[in-house]
Each structure stands twice: as structure tokens, then as C-alpha cells.
């Protein structure tokens, strides 16, 4: 009596392994397309002139970082209630955001030795904003949200920094808008954000 795998089953093992690898590769490529589509939509939303012309966000490198952070935070908050696939897409989008920052830092001429330190600082800034904005939004407190925005967007002392209430109101309306975005839109990278008035 023969023990172990039969000769006829042995040739199938490499084929099965190859199929599994191609299956994973296909899924990764599919996710990549979705992530790229959604990331492009989010970065386009963050670049809308209305933020810089009408809602007091300075049109500077740091002002654009602040707006990108806000848009990423809003998307991240929406996807926390999504199925696992939506949460994975959100994490990949945040990863793409940090890869972009890394690239931008290098483009500004920061040497390789200085990049990790800058990245650590910017990551700390991002997650600090996530925490402070989330606390204000969870409480529905537009004043607290505006204060957090003012503190982050205008960290340097100045006589009369803008109130940032307009941006706080936009964030709250954007969150309401995103709550109406379907799971299918999240899964296909088709979520959108409202254009600031």
C-alpha cells in the first residue's frame, strides 16, 4: 500500500502555489488602482482654491500640508466604520500620503540623514491633529475645532489670527457628506468631498 502523496498530485502543487501568488498579485494591483484613484481625488480636494482664497488657509508648503492632513483625517474617520477592505484602503492612502511627504522633503533638498527626523516630526503632527480634530468633531464643538485649526495652521504668534470657523464648518459639513458615501464608493476609490463655497 502506498503512503504519502500520490505521483499524480505532485505536479499540481507548484501550479497551486503559482495561482496563489498570481491571486495575491492581482489583488494588490487592484487595490493599488483603487488607492491611486482615491488618493488623487483627496489631494485634488485639498488643493481647491476656496480653502486658500476664502477659508484662511495660507497657500504655503505648510498650509498645503495642513489641508492634506485635514482631508486625510476626514477620510480616515469615514472609513473606520467600513468593512476591513475599506479600512485597508484608508491605511494604504495614509501610507501614500507619507510617501509623498518623504518625496517632497527630499525635493526640498533635505539630505538622507535629515529625512527620518523630519518624517517623525510630521507624523507626530499628523496624529496629533487627528486626535484634536476628532475630539472636537465627536463632541460637535465647532468652536473647539476652530481653535485647534487656528493653533495648528497659525502656530506663530500674531495680532489677530483668523477665527478658522469657516474651515471648521466646512469640515463638519464634509463629515456629514462623507457619512452618506456608500461602502461601494469607498471600496472602489470613488469617495468625494464637497468643494468649499
N, C-alpha and C. Protein backbone atom coordinates (compact mmCIF):
# COMPACT_ATOMS: atom_id res chain seq x y z
N UNK A 1 0.85 -1.19 0.00
CA UNK A 1 0.00 0.00 0.00
C UNK A 1 0.88 1.24 0.00
N UNK A 2 0.52 2.23 -0.84
CA UNK A 2 1.33 3.42 -0.99
C UNK A 2 0.97 4.44 0.07
N UNK A 3 1.97 5.10 0.67
CA UNK A 3 1.74 6.13 1.68
C UNK A 3 2.17 7.48 1.12
N UNK A 4 1.63 8.56 1.69
CA UNK A 4 2.04 9.91 1.28
C UNK A 4 1.32 10.31 0.01
N UNK A 5 1.70 11.43 -0.57
CA UNK A 5 1.02 11.93 -1.77
C UNK A 5 1.28 11.03 -2.96
N UNK A 6 0.27 10.87 -3.79
CA UNK A 6 0.44 10.06 -4.98
C UNK A 6 1.20 10.86 -6.02
N UNK A 7 1.73 10.15 -7.00
CA UNK A 7 2.52 10.82 -8.04
C UNK A 7 1.67 11.81 -8.82
N UNK A 8 0.39 11.49 -9.01
CA UNK A 8 -0.48 12.36 -9.82
C UNK A 8 -0.74 13.70 -9.15
N UNK A 9 -0.65 13.74 -7.78
CA UNK A 9 -0.93 15.01 -7.09
C UNK A 9 0.28 15.93 -7.04
N UNK A 10 1.50 15.39 -7.19
CA UNK A 10 2.71 16.20 -7.05
C UNK A 10 2.80 17.34 -8.06
N UNK A 11 2.50 17.12 -9.35
CA UNK A 11 2.64 18.21 -10.31
C UNK A 11 1.69 19.38 -10.01
N UNK A 12 0.59 19.12 -9.31
CA UNK A 12 -0.38 20.19 -9.02
C UNK A 12 0.12 21.17 -7.97
N UNK A 13 1.05 20.76 -7.12
CA UNK A 13 1.50 21.62 -6.03
C UNK A 13 2.15 22.91 -6.51
N UNK A 14 3.12 22.86 -7.46
CA UNK A 14 3.70 24.11 -7.95
C UNK A 14 2.66 24.99 -8.63
N UNK A 15 1.74 24.37 -9.40
CA UNK A 15 0.72 25.14 -10.10
C UNK A 15 -0.17 25.88 -9.10
N UNK A 16 -0.56 25.17 -8.04
CA UNK A 16 -1.39 25.78 -7.00
C UNK A 16 -0.66 26.95 -6.36
N UNK A 17 0.64 26.78 -6.06
CA UNK A 17 1.44 27.86 -5.48
C UNK A 17 1.50 29.08 -6.39
N UNK A 18 1.70 28.82 -7.70
CA UNK A 18 1.76 29.91 -8.68
C UNK A 18 0.42 30.64 -8.74
N UNK A 19 -0.68 29.89 -8.75
CA UNK A 19 -2.00 30.51 -8.79
C UNK A 19 -2.24 31.38 -7.57
N UNK A 20 -1.79 30.92 -6.41
CA UNK A 20 -1.96 31.71 -5.19
C UNK A 20 -1.16 33.00 -5.28
N UNK A 21 0.08 32.92 -5.78
CA UNK A 21 0.92 34.12 -5.91
C UNK A 21 0.27 35.10 -6.88
N UNK A 22 -0.22 34.58 -8.04
CA UNK A 22 -0.86 35.48 -9.00
C UNK A 22 -2.15 36.07 -8.44
N UNK A 23 -2.85 35.30 -7.61
CA UNK A 23 -4.07 35.82 -6.97
C UNK A 23 -3.75 36.98 -6.06
N UNK A 24 -2.70 36.84 -5.25
CA UNK A 24 -2.29 37.92 -4.35
C UNK A 24 -1.79 39.12 -5.14
N UNK A 25 -1.03 38.86 -6.20
CA UNK A 25 -0.50 39.94 -7.02
C UNK A 25 -1.65 40.72 -7.67
N UNK A 26 -2.65 39.98 -8.16
CA UNK A 26 -3.81 40.62 -8.79
C UNK A 26 -4.57 41.49 -7.80
N UNK A 27 -4.74 40.99 -6.57
CA UNK A 27 -5.46 41.75 -5.55
C UNK A 27 -4.69 43.02 -5.19
N UNK A 28 -3.35 42.89 -5.08
CA UNK A 28 -2.54 44.05 -4.73
C UNK A 28 -2.62 45.11 -5.82
N UNK A 29 -2.54 44.66 -7.09
CA UNK A 29 -2.64 45.60 -8.21
C UNK A 29 -4.00 46.26 -8.26
N UNK A 30 -5.05 45.48 -7.98
CA UNK A 30 -6.42 46.02 -7.96
C UNK A 30 -6.53 47.08 -6.86
N UNK A 31 -6.03 46.76 -5.67
CA UNK A 31 -6.04 47.72 -4.56
C UNK A 31 -5.23 48.97 -4.92
N UNK A 32 -4.12 48.77 -5.60
CA UNK A 32 -3.26 49.89 -5.95
C UNK A 32 -4.01 50.89 -6.85
N UNK A 33 -4.76 50.36 -7.80
CA UNK A 33 -5.55 51.21 -8.70
C UNK A 33 -6.59 52.00 -7.90
N UNK A 34 -7.26 51.33 -6.97
CA UNK A 34 -8.27 51.97 -6.13
C UNK A 34 -7.62 53.04 -5.26
N UNK A 35 -6.50 52.70 -4.64
CA UNK A 35 -5.80 53.64 -3.76
C UNK A 35 -5.34 54.86 -4.55
N UNK A 36 -4.78 54.63 -5.73
CA UNK A 36 -4.31 55.75 -6.55
C UNK A 36 -5.46 56.66 -6.95
N UNK A 37 -6.60 56.06 -7.32
CA UNK A 37 -7.78 56.85 -7.72
C UNK A 37 -8.28 57.69 -6.55
N UNK A 38 -8.41 57.05 -5.38
CA UNK A 38 -8.94 57.77 -4.22
C UNK A 38 -7.95 58.82 -3.71
N UNK A 39 -6.68 58.48 -3.72
CA UNK A 39 -5.66 59.43 -3.26
C UNK A 39 -5.64 60.68 -4.16
N UNK A 40 -5.76 60.45 -5.47
CA UNK A 40 -5.80 61.58 -6.41
C UNK A 40 -7.02 62.47 -6.14
N UNK A 41 -8.16 61.85 -5.84
CA UNK A 41 -9.38 62.63 -5.55
C UNK A 41 -9.22 63.44 -4.26
N UNK A 42 -8.58 62.84 -3.26
CA UNK A 42 -8.39 63.54 -1.98
C UNK A 42 -7.39 64.69 -2.11
N UNK A 43 -6.30 64.46 -2.83
CA UNK A 43 -5.32 65.54 -3.00
C UNK A 43 -5.89 66.68 -3.84
N UNK A 44 -6.71 66.34 -4.84
CA UNK A 44 -7.38 67.37 -5.64
C UNK A 44 -8.31 68.19 -4.76
N UNK A 45 -9.05 67.51 -3.88
CA UNK A 45 -9.96 68.21 -2.96
C UNK A 45 -9.18 69.17 -2.05
N UNK A 46 -8.02 68.74 -1.57
CA UNK A 46 -7.22 69.58 -0.66
C UNK A 46 -6.62 70.79 -1.35
N UNK A 47 -6.54 70.74 -2.69
CA UNK A 47 -5.94 71.86 -3.44
C UNK A 47 -6.97 72.86 -3.94
N UNK A 48 -8.23 72.68 -3.59
CA UNK A 48 -9.27 73.60 -4.07
C UNK A 48 -8.94 75.03 -3.66
N UNK A 49 -8.99 75.99 -4.59
CA UNK A 49 -8.63 77.38 -4.27
C UNK A 49 -9.46 77.99 -3.15
N UNK A 50 -10.69 77.52 -2.98
CA UNK A 50 -11.56 78.08 -1.95
C UNK A 50 -10.99 78.01 -0.54
N UNK A 51 -10.17 77.01 -0.26
CA UNK A 51 -9.55 76.90 1.07
C UNK A 51 -8.56 78.05 1.30
N UNK A 52 -7.86 78.39 0.24
CA UNK A 52 -6.77 79.37 0.35
C UNK A 52 -7.28 80.80 0.10
N UNK A 53 -8.30 80.92 -0.75
CA UNK A 53 -8.85 82.25 -1.05
C UNK A 53 -9.91 82.70 -0.05
N UNK A 54 -10.71 81.73 0.44
CA UNK A 54 -11.85 82.12 1.25
C UNK A 54 -11.90 81.59 2.67
N UNK A 55 -11.10 80.56 2.98
CA UNK A 55 -11.19 79.95 4.32
C UNK A 55 -9.90 80.10 5.13
N UNK A 56 -9.08 81.06 4.74
CA UNK A 56 -7.92 81.50 5.54
C UNK A 56 -6.79 80.49 5.71
N UNK A 57 -6.73 79.47 4.83
CA UNK A 57 -5.57 78.57 4.87
C UNK A 57 -4.46 79.22 4.05
N UNK A 58 -3.27 79.41 4.63
CA UNK A 58 -2.19 80.04 3.85
C UNK A 58 -1.74 79.14 2.71
N UNK A 59 -1.53 79.74 1.54
CA UNK A 59 -1.10 78.97 0.37
C UNK A 59 0.43 78.84 0.41
N UNK A 60 0.88 78.00 1.33
CA UNK A 60 2.30 77.75 1.56
C UNK A 60 2.51 76.25 1.63
N UNK A 61 3.76 75.82 1.72
CA UNK A 61 4.04 74.38 1.85
C UNK A 61 3.34 73.82 3.09
N UNK A 62 3.44 74.52 4.21
CA UNK A 62 2.80 74.02 5.44
C UNK A 62 1.29 74.16 5.39
N UNK A 63 0.80 75.21 4.73
CA UNK A 63 -0.66 75.35 4.57
C UNK A 63 -1.23 74.18 3.78
N UNK A 64 -0.51 73.77 2.76
CA UNK A 64 -0.97 72.63 1.95
C UNK A 64 -0.86 71.32 2.73
N UNK A 65 0.18 71.21 3.56
CA UNK A 65 0.29 70.03 4.44
C UNK A 65 -0.93 69.98 5.38
N UNK A 66 -1.30 71.14 5.92
CA UNK A 66 -2.45 71.19 6.83
C UNK A 66 -3.73 70.74 6.12
N UNK A 67 -3.94 71.22 4.90
CA UNK A 67 -5.16 70.85 4.18
C UNK A 67 -5.16 69.37 3.80
N UNK A 68 -4.01 68.88 3.37
CA UNK A 68 -3.93 67.44 3.06
C UNK A 68 -4.20 66.61 4.30
N UNK A 69 -3.66 67.05 5.44
CA UNK A 69 -3.89 66.35 6.70
C UNK A 69 -5.38 66.33 7.04
N UNK A 70 -6.04 67.47 6.88
CA UNK A 70 -7.48 67.57 7.18
C UNK A 70 -8.28 66.60 6.31
N UNK A 71 -7.99 66.59 5.02
CA UNK A 71 -8.71 65.73 4.09
C UNK A 71 -8.46 64.26 4.43
N UNK A 72 -7.22 63.91 4.73
CA UNK A 72 -6.89 62.52 5.10
C UNK A 72 -7.61 62.12 6.39
N UNK A 73 -7.63 63.04 7.35
CA UNK A 73 -8.29 62.75 8.63
C UNK A 73 -9.78 62.52 8.42
N UNK A 74 -10.42 63.36 7.61
CA UNK A 74 -11.85 63.18 7.33
C UNK A 74 -12.11 61.83 6.67
N UNK A 75 -11.26 61.45 5.71
CA UNK A 75 -11.44 60.17 5.04
C UNK A 75 -11.19 59.01 6.00
N UNK A 76 -10.16 59.14 6.82
CA UNK A 76 -9.83 58.12 7.81
C UNK A 76 -11.00 57.90 8.78
N UNK A 77 -11.63 59.00 9.19
CA UNK A 77 -12.78 58.91 10.11
C UNK A 77 -13.96 58.21 9.44
N UNK A 78 -14.16 58.48 8.16
CA UNK A 78 -15.27 57.82 7.45
C UNK A 78 -15.04 56.32 7.35
N UNK A 79 -13.82 55.92 7.08
CA UNK A 79 -13.55 54.50 6.82
C UNK A 79 -13.43 53.66 8.09
N UNK A 80 -13.41 54.30 9.25
CA UNK A 80 -13.32 53.49 10.47
C UNK A 80 -14.55 52.61 10.66
N UNK A 81 -15.69 53.00 10.03
CA UNK A 81 -16.90 52.18 10.13
C UNK A 81 -17.08 51.29 8.90
N UNK A 82 -16.10 51.28 8.01
CA UNK A 82 -16.16 50.46 6.79
C UNK A 82 -15.75 49.04 7.10
N UNK A 83 -16.09 48.11 6.19
CA UNK A 83 -15.55 46.75 6.33
C UNK A 83 -14.02 46.78 6.25
N UNK A 84 -13.41 45.64 6.51
CA UNK A 84 -11.95 45.55 6.54
C UNK A 84 -11.31 46.09 5.27
N UNK A 85 -11.90 45.80 4.11
CA UNK A 85 -11.30 46.26 2.85
C UNK A 85 -11.22 47.78 2.79
N UNK A 86 -12.25 48.48 3.28
CA UNK A 86 -12.24 49.94 3.30
C UNK A 86 -11.19 50.49 4.23
N UNK A 87 -11.02 49.83 5.38
CA UNK A 87 -10.00 50.25 6.34
C UNK A 87 -8.60 50.03 5.79
N UNK A 88 -8.42 48.92 5.06
CA UNK A 88 -7.12 48.64 4.43
C UNK A 88 -6.80 49.71 3.39
N UNK A 89 -7.80 50.10 2.59
CA UNK A 89 -7.61 51.14 1.58
C UNK A 89 -7.22 52.45 2.25
N UNK A 90 -7.92 52.78 3.35
CA UNK A 90 -7.62 54.02 4.08
C UNK A 90 -6.19 54.01 4.59
N UNK A 91 -5.73 52.88 5.11
CA UNK A 91 -4.36 52.79 5.62
C UNK A 91 -3.35 52.95 4.47
N UNK A 92 -3.66 52.34 3.34
CA UNK A 92 -2.76 52.47 2.19
C UNK A 92 -2.72 53.91 1.69
N UNK A 93 -3.84 54.62 1.80
CA UNK A 93 -3.88 56.03 1.37
C UNK A 93 -3.05 56.88 2.32
N UNK A 94 -3.14 56.63 3.62
CA UNK A 94 -2.31 57.36 4.58
C UNK A 94 -0.83 57.05 4.32
N UNK A 95 -0.52 55.78 4.01
CA UNK A 95 0.87 55.42 3.66
C UNK A 95 1.35 56.20 2.44
N UNK A 96 0.46 56.31 1.43
CA UNK A 96 0.81 57.07 0.21
C UNK A 96 1.05 58.54 0.54
N UNK A 97 0.25 59.06 1.46
CA UNK A 97 0.40 60.45 1.91
C UNK A 97 1.79 60.67 2.50
N UNK A 98 2.23 59.75 3.36
CA UNK A 98 3.55 59.89 3.98
C UNK A 98 4.68 59.65 2.97
N UNK A 99 4.45 58.78 1.99
CA UNK A 99 5.46 58.60 0.93
C UNK A 99 5.61 59.90 0.13
N UNK A 100 4.49 60.56 -0.12
CA UNK A 100 4.52 61.85 -0.82
C UNK A 100 5.29 62.90 -0.02
N UNK A 101 5.04 62.91 1.29
CA UNK A 101 5.75 63.87 2.15
C UNK A 101 7.25 63.59 2.12
N UNK A 102 7.61 62.31 2.22
CA UNK A 102 9.01 61.92 2.15
C UNK A 102 9.65 62.43 0.86
N UNK A 103 8.95 62.21 -0.25
CA UNK A 103 9.45 62.65 -1.55
C UNK A 103 9.60 64.17 -1.59
N UNK A 104 8.59 64.88 -1.06
CA UNK A 104 8.62 66.36 -1.06
C UNK A 104 9.78 66.89 -0.22
N UNK A 105 10.04 66.25 0.92
CA UNK A 105 11.15 66.68 1.77
C UNK A 105 12.47 66.53 1.02
N UNK A 106 12.62 65.41 0.32
CA UNK A 106 13.85 65.18 -0.44
C UNK A 106 13.98 66.20 -1.59
N UNK A 107 12.85 66.53 -2.21
CA UNK A 107 12.85 67.51 -3.30
C UNK A 107 13.27 68.90 -2.80
N UNK A 108 12.97 69.18 -1.53
CA UNK A 108 13.36 70.47 -0.95
C UNK A 108 14.86 70.53 -0.62
N UNK A 109 15.54 69.39 -0.83
CA UNK A 109 16.99 69.38 -0.64
C UNK A 109 17.44 68.90 0.72
N UNK A 110 16.53 68.33 1.51
CA UNK A 110 16.92 67.78 2.81
C UNK A 110 17.70 66.49 2.55
N UNK A 111 18.87 66.37 3.16
CA UNK A 111 19.71 65.18 2.97
C UNK A 111 19.10 63.94 3.61
N UNK A 112 19.61 62.78 3.17
CA UNK A 112 19.10 61.50 3.67
C UNK A 112 19.11 61.40 5.19
N UNK A 113 20.13 61.96 5.82
CA UNK A 113 20.22 61.85 7.28
C UNK A 113 19.16 62.69 7.99
N UNK A 114 18.70 63.76 7.34
CA UNK A 114 17.70 64.64 7.97
C UNK A 114 16.26 64.21 7.74
N UNK A 115 16.03 63.33 6.74
CA UNK A 115 14.67 62.96 6.37
C UNK A 115 13.94 62.21 7.49
N UNK A 116 14.53 61.16 8.10
CA UNK A 116 13.80 60.43 9.15
C UNK A 116 13.33 61.34 10.29
N UNK A 117 14.19 62.29 10.69
CA UNK A 117 13.82 63.19 11.78
C UNK A 117 12.63 64.06 11.38
N UNK A 118 12.67 64.59 10.15
CA UNK A 118 11.55 65.42 9.67
C UNK A 118 10.28 64.58 9.55
N UNK A 119 10.42 63.36 9.05
CA UNK A 119 9.26 62.49 8.89
C UNK A 119 8.62 62.17 10.23
N UNK A 120 9.47 61.92 11.23
CA UNK A 120 8.96 61.61 12.57
C UNK A 120 8.18 62.81 13.12
N UNK A 121 8.72 64.00 12.91
CA UNK A 121 8.05 65.21 13.38
C UNK A 121 6.71 65.40 12.67
N UNK A 122 6.69 65.24 11.33
CA UNK A 122 5.45 65.44 10.58
C UNK A 122 4.42 64.36 10.89
N UNK A 123 4.88 63.13 11.12
CA UNK A 123 3.94 62.07 11.52
C UNK A 123 3.32 62.40 12.87
N UNK A 124 4.13 62.90 13.80
CA UNK A 124 3.62 63.31 15.11
C UNK A 124 2.60 64.43 14.97
N UNK A 125 2.88 65.38 14.08
CA UNK A 125 1.95 66.48 13.82
C UNK A 125 0.63 65.95 13.28
N UNK A 126 0.71 65.02 12.32
CA UNK A 126 -0.50 64.46 11.71
C UNK A 126 -1.36 63.76 12.75
N UNK A 127 -0.75 62.87 13.54
CA UNK A 127 -1.55 62.11 14.50
C UNK A 127 -2.03 62.98 15.66
N UNK A 128 -1.28 64.03 15.99
CA UNK A 128 -1.76 65.00 16.98
C UNK A 128 -2.99 65.72 16.48
N UNK A 129 -3.00 66.09 15.20
CA UNK A 129 -4.16 66.74 14.59
C UNK A 129 -5.35 65.80 14.54
N UNK A 130 -5.08 64.56 14.17
CA UNK A 130 -6.15 63.56 14.14
C UNK A 130 -6.85 63.49 15.49
N UNK A 131 -6.07 63.46 16.55
CA UNK A 131 -6.62 63.36 17.90
C UNK A 131 -7.42 64.61 18.29
N UNK A 132 -6.85 65.80 18.06
CA UNK A 132 -7.53 67.03 18.49
C UNK A 132 -8.76 67.33 17.65
N UNK A 133 -8.67 67.10 16.34
CA UNK A 133 -9.84 67.35 15.49
C UNK A 133 -10.95 66.34 15.78
N UNK A 134 -10.56 65.09 16.00
CA UNK A 134 -11.55 64.05 16.29
C UNK A 134 -12.30 64.36 17.59
N UNK A 135 -11.58 64.81 18.61
CA UNK A 135 -12.23 65.11 19.89
C UNK A 135 -13.27 66.21 19.71
N UNK A 136 -12.92 67.26 18.96
CA UNK A 136 -13.86 68.37 18.75
C UNK A 136 -15.04 67.94 17.87
N UNK A 137 -14.76 67.15 16.84
CA UNK A 137 -15.84 66.73 15.94
C UNK A 137 -16.76 65.73 16.59
N UNK A 138 -16.21 64.83 17.39
CA UNK A 138 -17.05 63.86 18.10
C UNK A 138 -17.99 64.58 19.06
N UNK A 139 -17.54 65.71 19.61
CA UNK A 139 -18.37 66.49 20.53
C UNK A 139 -19.28 67.47 19.79
N UNK A 140 -19.12 67.57 18.46
CA UNK A 140 -19.90 68.53 17.68
C UNK A 140 -19.59 69.97 18.06
N UNK A 141 -18.37 70.22 18.49
CA UNK A 141 -17.98 71.54 19.01
C UNK A 141 -17.19 72.31 17.96
N UNK A 142 -17.89 73.16 17.18
CA UNK A 142 -17.22 73.90 16.11
C UNK A 142 -16.22 74.91 16.64
N UNK A 143 -16.48 75.48 17.83
CA UNK A 143 -15.54 76.44 18.43
C UNK A 143 -14.22 75.75 18.80
N UNK A 144 -14.33 74.58 19.41
CA UNK A 144 -13.12 73.83 19.79
C UNK A 144 -12.36 73.40 18.54
N UNK A 145 -13.09 73.01 17.50
CA UNK A 145 -12.45 72.61 16.25
C UNK A 145 -11.73 73.81 15.62
N UNK A 146 -12.40 74.97 15.61
CA UNK A 146 -11.79 76.18 15.05
C UNK A 146 -10.53 76.57 15.84
N UNK A 147 -10.58 76.42 17.16
CA UNK A 147 -9.41 76.74 17.99
C UNK A 147 -8.25 75.81 17.67
N UNK A 148 -8.54 74.51 17.49
CA UNK A 148 -7.49 73.54 17.16
C UNK A 148 -6.91 73.86 15.78
N UNK A 149 -7.76 74.22 14.84
CA UNK A 149 -7.29 74.59 13.50
C UNK A 149 -6.39 75.83 13.56
N UNK A 150 -6.84 76.82 14.32
CA UNK A 150 -6.07 78.07 14.44
C UNK A 150 -4.70 77.81 15.06
N UNK A 151 -4.69 76.98 16.08
CA UNK A 151 -3.45 76.64 16.78
C UNK A 151 -2.45 75.93 15.84
N UNK A 152 -2.98 75.05 14.99
CA UNK A 152 -2.12 74.27 14.10
C UNK A 152 -1.72 75.03 12.84
N UNK A 153 -2.65 75.77 12.27
CA UNK A 153 -2.39 76.45 11.00
C UNK A 153 -1.64 77.76 11.20
N UNK A 154 -1.86 78.38 12.37
CA UNK A 154 -1.16 79.64 12.69
C UNK A 154 -0.41 79.49 14.02
N UNK A 155 0.65 78.66 14.03
CA UNK A 155 1.36 78.42 15.29
C UNK A 155 2.19 79.61 15.76
N UNK A 156 2.58 80.47 14.82
CA UNK A 156 3.39 81.63 15.20
C UNK A 156 2.50 82.70 15.81
N UNK A 157 2.98 83.37 16.86
CA UNK A 157 2.17 84.44 17.47
C UNK A 157 1.91 85.56 16.45
N UNK A 158 0.68 86.02 16.41
CA UNK A 158 0.33 87.15 15.56
C UNK A 158 -0.83 87.90 16.21
N UNK A 159 -1.01 89.16 15.81
CA UNK A 159 -2.01 90.00 16.47
C UNK A 159 -3.40 89.41 16.42
N UNK A 160 -3.88 89.14 15.22
CA UNK A 160 -5.25 88.64 15.08
C UNK A 160 -5.30 87.49 14.08
N UNK A 161 -5.02 86.26 14.53
CA UNK A 161 -5.13 85.14 13.60
C UNK A 161 -6.60 84.95 13.20
N UNK A 162 -6.84 84.44 11.99
CA UNK A 162 -8.22 84.21 11.55
C UNK A 162 -8.95 83.28 12.52
N UNK A 163 -10.25 83.42 12.58
CA UNK A 163 -11.04 82.60 13.53
C UNK A 163 -11.06 81.13 13.15
N UNK A 164 -10.95 80.82 11.87
CA UNK A 164 -10.99 79.46 11.31
C UNK A 164 -12.36 78.79 11.48
N UNK A 165 -13.37 79.57 11.83
CA UNK A 165 -14.73 79.00 11.97
C UNK A 165 -15.25 78.51 10.62
N UNK A 166 -14.89 79.24 9.55
CA UNK A 166 -15.34 78.81 8.22
C UNK A 166 -14.81 77.44 7.85
N UNK A 167 -13.53 77.19 8.13
CA UNK A 167 -12.93 75.89 7.84
C UNK A 167 -13.52 74.81 8.75
N UNK A 168 -13.76 75.17 10.01
CA UNK A 168 -14.39 74.22 10.94
C UNK A 168 -15.78 73.81 10.43
N UNK A 169 -16.55 74.80 9.94
CA UNK A 169 -17.88 74.50 9.40
C UNK A 169 -17.78 73.61 8.17
N UNK A 170 -16.79 73.90 7.31
CA UNK A 170 -16.62 73.05 6.13
C UNK A 170 -16.29 71.62 6.54
N UNK A 171 -15.41 71.45 7.53
CA UNK A 171 -15.04 70.10 7.98
C UNK A 171 -16.26 69.33 8.49
N UNK A 172 -17.11 70.03 9.22
CA UNK A 172 -18.30 69.35 9.77
C UNK A 172 -19.27 68.98 8.65
N UNK A 173 -19.43 69.88 7.67
CA UNK A 173 -20.32 69.55 6.55
C UNK A 173 -19.70 68.45 5.68
N UNK A 174 -18.38 68.46 5.55
CA UNK A 174 -17.70 67.41 4.79
C UNK A 174 -17.86 66.05 5.47
N UNK A 175 -17.82 66.04 6.79
CA UNK A 175 -18.01 64.77 7.51
C UNK A 175 -19.43 64.25 7.29
N UNK A 176 -20.41 65.17 7.31
CA UNK A 176 -21.79 64.76 7.03
C UNK A 176 -21.90 64.21 5.61
N UNK A 177 -21.26 64.89 4.67
CA UNK A 177 -21.25 64.43 3.28
C UNK A 177 -20.64 63.03 3.18
N UNK A 178 -19.51 62.83 3.82
CA UNK A 178 -18.83 61.53 3.76
C UNK A 178 -19.64 60.42 4.41
N UNK A 179 -20.44 60.77 5.42
CA UNK A 179 -21.26 59.74 6.07
C UNK A 179 -22.30 59.18 5.10
N UNK A 180 -22.62 59.96 4.06
CA UNK A 180 -23.56 59.48 3.04
C UNK A 180 -22.90 58.74 1.90
N UNK A 181 -21.57 58.67 1.91
CA UNK A 181 -20.83 57.94 0.87
C UNK A 181 -20.98 56.45 1.14
N UNK A 182 -21.35 55.70 0.12
CA UNK A 182 -21.62 54.28 0.30
C UNK A 182 -20.36 53.46 0.46
N UNK A 183 -20.54 52.26 1.01
CA UNK A 183 -19.43 51.33 1.13
C UNK A 183 -18.84 50.97 -0.23
N UNK A 184 -19.71 50.90 -1.24
CA UNK A 184 -19.25 50.58 -2.59
C UNK A 184 -18.34 51.68 -3.13
N UNK A 185 -18.69 52.94 -2.83
CA UNK A 185 -17.84 54.05 -3.27
C UNK A 185 -16.47 54.00 -2.59
N UNK A 186 -16.48 53.66 -1.29
CA UNK A 186 -15.21 53.52 -0.57
C UNK A 186 -14.39 52.39 -1.17
N UNK A 187 -15.05 51.25 -1.43
CA UNK A 187 -14.36 50.07 -1.94
C UNK A 187 -13.79 50.27 -3.34
N UNK A 188 -14.37 51.20 -4.10
CA UNK A 188 -13.89 51.42 -5.47
C UNK A 188 -13.06 52.69 -5.60
N UNK A 189 -12.80 53.37 -4.48
CA UNK A 189 -11.98 54.58 -4.53
C UNK A 189 -12.70 55.76 -5.15
N UNK A 190 -14.02 55.82 -4.97
CA UNK A 190 -14.83 56.85 -5.63
C UNK A 190 -15.42 57.87 -4.66
N UNK A 191 -14.95 57.90 -3.42
CA UNK A 191 -15.48 58.87 -2.45
C UNK A 191 -15.06 60.28 -2.85
N UNK A 192 -15.94 61.24 -2.62
CA UNK A 192 -15.63 62.63 -2.95
C UNK A 192 -15.87 63.52 -1.74
N UNK A 193 -15.32 64.72 -1.81
CA UNK A 193 -15.53 65.71 -0.76
C UNK A 193 -16.16 66.95 -1.37
N UNK A 194 -16.97 67.67 -0.59
CA UNK A 194 -17.60 68.88 -1.15
C UNK A 194 -16.56 69.98 -1.40
N UNK A 195 -16.80 70.76 -2.44
CA UNK A 195 -15.93 71.89 -2.77
C UNK A 195 -16.30 73.03 -1.82
N UNK A 196 -15.31 73.70 -1.23
CA UNK A 196 -15.64 74.82 -0.34
C UNK A 196 -16.33 75.94 -1.11
N UNK A 197 -17.33 76.55 -0.49
CA UNK A 197 -18.10 77.62 -1.16
C UNK A 197 -17.22 78.86 -1.32
